[in-house]
């Protein structure tokens, strides 16, 4: 299966397994949405992913604390 030009949403992408997964997907051509990125981490996240190109990355806050919060996004 190829991920080139597919849109992927990764939660917890500002560190750990989420970050590694997002980098791998972007490296293979996926458009990666980094969900749940806290405001204070967003800039650092963008800097770490910058080498992958701006077109492959979208950082956005996704409240995932409850089912209702998810529906409001």
N, C-alpha and C. Protein backbone atom coordinates (compact mmCIF):
# COMPACT_ATOMS: atom_id res chain seq x y z
N UNK A 1 0.84 -1.17 0.00
CA UNK A 1 0.00 0.00 0.00
C UNK A 1 0.89 1.24 0.00
N UNK A 2 0.50 2.22 -0.75
CA UNK A 2 1.25 3.46 -0.81
C UNK A 2 0.49 4.57 -0.08
N UNK A 3 1.24 5.48 0.52
CA UNK A 3 0.61 6.61 1.22
C UNK A 3 0.83 7.92 0.47
N UNK A 4 1.48 7.86 -0.66
CA UNK A 4 1.76 9.08 -1.41
C UNK A 4 0.47 9.79 -1.76
N UNK A 5 0.41 11.09 -1.43
CA UNK A 5 -0.73 11.97 -1.66
C UNK A 5 -1.99 11.59 -0.86
N UNK A 6 -1.85 10.72 0.10
CA UNK A 6 -2.97 10.40 1.01
C UNK A 6 -2.90 11.35 2.19
N UNK A 7 -4.03 11.65 2.79
CA UNK A 7 -4.08 12.49 3.98
C UNK A 7 -4.14 11.58 5.20
N UNK A 8 -3.23 11.82 6.14
CA UNK A 8 -3.21 11.04 7.37
C UNK A 8 -3.35 11.98 8.55
N UNK A 9 -4.02 11.53 9.59
CA UNK A 9 -4.16 12.30 10.82
C UNK A 9 -3.46 11.52 11.92
N UNK A 10 -2.50 12.17 12.55
CA UNK A 10 -1.75 11.54 13.63
C UNK A 10 -1.99 12.34 14.89
N UNK A 11 -2.50 11.69 15.93
CA UNK A 11 -2.66 12.37 17.22
C UNK A 11 -1.42 12.11 18.05
N UNK A 12 -1.09 13.04 18.91
CA UNK A 12 0.10 12.90 19.74
C UNK A 12 1.38 12.99 18.93
N UNK A 13 1.36 13.76 17.85
CA UNK A 13 2.49 13.81 16.93
C UNK A 13 3.60 14.76 17.35
N UNK A 14 3.46 15.41 18.49
CA UNK A 14 4.50 16.34 18.91
C UNK A 14 5.65 15.65 19.62
N UNK A 15 5.52 14.34 19.86
CA UNK A 15 6.62 13.60 20.48
C UNK A 15 6.40 12.10 20.36
N UNK A 16 7.43 11.35 20.65
CA UNK A 16 7.35 9.89 20.76
C UNK A 16 6.93 9.17 19.49
N UNK A 17 6.11 8.13 19.66
CA UNK A 17 5.67 7.29 18.54
C UNK A 17 4.88 8.09 17.52
N UNK A 18 4.04 9.01 18.00
CA UNK A 18 3.26 9.85 17.08
C UNK A 18 4.16 10.67 16.17
N UNK A 19 5.20 11.27 16.74
CA UNK A 19 6.14 12.07 15.95
C UNK A 19 6.87 11.20 14.93
N UNK A 20 7.35 10.04 15.37
CA UNK A 20 8.06 9.13 14.47
C UNK A 20 7.16 8.65 13.34
N UNK A 21 5.91 8.35 13.66
CA UNK A 21 4.95 7.90 12.64
C UNK A 21 4.68 9.01 11.63
N UNK A 22 4.48 10.22 12.12
CA UNK A 22 4.21 11.35 11.24
C UNK A 22 5.39 11.61 10.30
N UNK A 23 6.60 11.56 10.82
CA UNK A 23 7.78 11.77 9.99
C UNK A 23 7.89 10.70 8.91
N UNK A 24 7.66 9.45 9.28
CA UNK A 24 7.76 8.35 8.32
C UNK A 24 6.71 8.49 7.22
N UNK A 25 5.48 8.80 7.59
CA UNK A 25 4.42 8.97 6.60
C UNK A 25 4.72 10.14 5.66
N UNK A 26 5.17 11.27 6.22
CA UNK A 26 5.51 12.43 5.39
C UNK A 26 6.67 12.12 4.46
N UNK A 27 7.64 11.39 4.96
CA UNK A 27 8.80 11.01 4.14
C UNK A 27 8.37 10.19 2.93
N UNK A 28 7.31 9.42 3.10
CA UNK A 28 6.81 8.58 2.01
C UNK A 28 5.71 9.25 1.19
N UNK A 29 5.56 10.57 1.37
CA UNK A 29 4.67 11.34 0.49
C UNK A 29 3.28 11.62 0.99
N UNK A 30 2.97 11.23 2.21
CA UNK A 30 1.63 11.50 2.75
C UNK A 30 1.52 12.96 3.18
N UNK A 31 0.32 13.49 3.12
CA UNK A 31 0.01 14.79 3.71
C UNK A 31 -0.37 14.50 5.16
N UNK A 32 0.36 15.05 6.10
CA UNK A 32 0.19 14.69 7.50
C UNK A 32 -0.46 15.83 8.28
N UNK A 33 -1.55 15.51 8.95
CA UNK A 33 -2.21 16.44 9.86
C UNK A 33 -1.78 16.03 11.26
N UNK A 34 -1.08 16.95 11.94
CA UNK A 34 -0.64 16.69 13.31
C UNK A 34 -1.74 17.16 14.24
N UNK A 35 -2.50 16.23 14.75
CA UNK A 35 -3.64 16.58 15.59
C UNK A 35 -3.30 16.58 17.06
N UNK A 36 -3.96 17.47 17.77
CA UNK A 36 -3.78 17.54 19.21
C UNK A 36 -2.53 18.27 19.64
N UNK A 37 -1.91 18.99 18.73
CA UNK A 37 -0.69 19.70 19.05
C UNK A 37 -1.01 20.92 19.90
N UNK A 38 -0.43 20.96 21.11
CA UNK A 38 -0.63 22.11 22.00
C UNK A 38 0.00 23.35 21.39
N UNK A 39 -0.58 24.51 21.66
CA UNK A 39 -0.08 25.75 21.09
C UNK A 39 1.41 25.95 21.34
N UNK A 40 1.85 25.66 22.54
CA UNK A 40 3.26 25.89 22.87
C UNK A 40 4.19 24.93 22.14
N UNK A 41 3.69 23.80 21.71
CA UNK A 41 4.52 22.83 21.00
C UNK A 41 4.45 22.97 19.49
N UNK A 42 3.46 23.71 19.00
CA UNK A 42 3.22 23.79 17.57
C UNK A 42 4.43 24.32 16.80
N UNK A 43 5.04 25.41 17.29
CA UNK A 43 6.18 25.99 16.59
C UNK A 43 7.36 25.03 16.57
N UNK A 44 7.65 24.41 17.71
CA UNK A 44 8.75 23.45 17.77
C UNK A 44 8.50 22.28 16.83
N UNK A 45 7.26 21.87 16.76
CA UNK A 45 6.87 20.77 15.87
C UNK A 45 7.11 21.16 14.41
N UNK A 46 6.70 22.35 14.05
CA UNK A 46 6.90 22.82 12.68
C UNK A 46 8.38 22.87 12.32
N UNK A 47 9.21 23.31 13.26
CA UNK A 47 10.64 23.38 13.01
C UNK A 47 11.22 21.99 12.78
N UNK A 48 10.83 21.03 13.62
CA UNK A 48 11.35 19.67 13.47
C UNK A 48 10.90 19.01 12.17
N UNK A 49 9.73 19.39 11.66
CA UNK A 49 9.21 18.79 10.44
C UNK A 49 9.51 19.62 9.19
N UNK A 50 10.15 20.77 9.36
CA UNK A 50 10.35 21.71 8.26
C UNK A 50 11.07 21.09 7.07
N UNK A 51 12.03 20.22 7.32
CA UNK A 51 12.78 19.62 6.22
C UNK A 51 11.92 18.75 5.31
N UNK A 52 10.74 18.38 5.77
CA UNK A 52 9.84 17.56 4.96
C UNK A 52 9.03 18.40 3.98
N UNK A 53 9.06 19.71 4.16
CA UNK A 53 8.32 20.59 3.26
C UNK A 53 6.99 21.01 3.86
N UNK A 54 6.65 22.27 3.69
CA UNK A 54 5.42 22.83 4.25
C UNK A 54 4.17 22.18 3.68
N UNK A 55 4.22 21.70 2.45
CA UNK A 55 3.04 21.12 1.82
C UNK A 55 2.66 19.77 2.42
N UNK A 56 3.57 19.15 3.16
CA UNK A 56 3.28 17.82 3.69
C UNK A 56 2.78 17.86 5.13
N UNK A 57 2.65 19.06 5.71
CA UNK A 57 2.36 19.14 7.13
C UNK A 57 1.31 20.20 7.47
N UNK A 58 0.36 19.80 8.30
CA UNK A 58 -0.62 20.73 8.85
C UNK A 58 -0.67 20.46 10.36
N UNK A 59 -0.41 21.48 11.16
CA UNK A 59 -0.53 21.36 12.61
C UNK A 59 -1.85 21.98 13.02
N UNK A 60 -2.64 21.24 13.78
CA UNK A 60 -3.90 21.82 14.25
C UNK A 60 -4.28 21.24 15.60
N UNK A 61 -4.98 22.06 16.35
CA UNK A 61 -5.44 21.62 17.66
C UNK A 61 -6.71 20.79 17.46
N UNK A 62 -6.68 19.58 17.96
CA UNK A 62 -7.85 18.72 17.91
C UNK A 62 -8.17 18.29 19.33
N UNK A 63 -9.22 18.84 19.91
CA UNK A 63 -9.56 18.44 21.28
C UNK A 63 -10.08 17.01 21.29
N UNK A 64 -9.36 16.13 21.92
CA UNK A 64 -9.72 14.72 21.90
C UNK A 64 -10.07 14.20 23.29
N UNK A 65 -10.47 15.11 24.17
CA UNK A 65 -10.74 14.72 25.55
C UNK A 65 -12.10 14.04 25.74
N UNK A 66 -13.02 14.27 24.82
CA UNK A 66 -14.34 13.65 24.92
C UNK A 66 -14.96 13.54 23.55
N UNK A 67 -15.97 12.73 23.45
CA UNK A 67 -16.69 12.57 22.19
C UNK A 67 -17.31 13.90 21.73
N UNK A 68 -17.84 14.66 22.66
CA UNK A 68 -18.42 15.96 22.32
C UNK A 68 -17.38 16.92 21.78
N UNK A 69 -16.18 16.92 22.37
CA UNK A 69 -15.12 17.81 21.91
C UNK A 69 -14.71 17.48 20.49
N UNK A 70 -14.67 16.21 20.15
CA UNK A 70 -14.30 15.79 18.80
C UNK A 70 -15.34 16.28 17.81
N UNK A 71 -16.59 16.21 18.15
CA UNK A 71 -17.66 16.65 17.26
C UNK A 71 -17.68 18.15 17.01
N UNK A 72 -17.06 18.93 17.90
CA UNK A 72 -17.05 20.38 17.76
C UNK A 72 -15.94 20.87 16.84
N UNK A 73 -15.01 20.02 16.48
CA UNK A 73 -13.86 20.44 15.67
C UNK A 73 -14.23 20.53 14.22
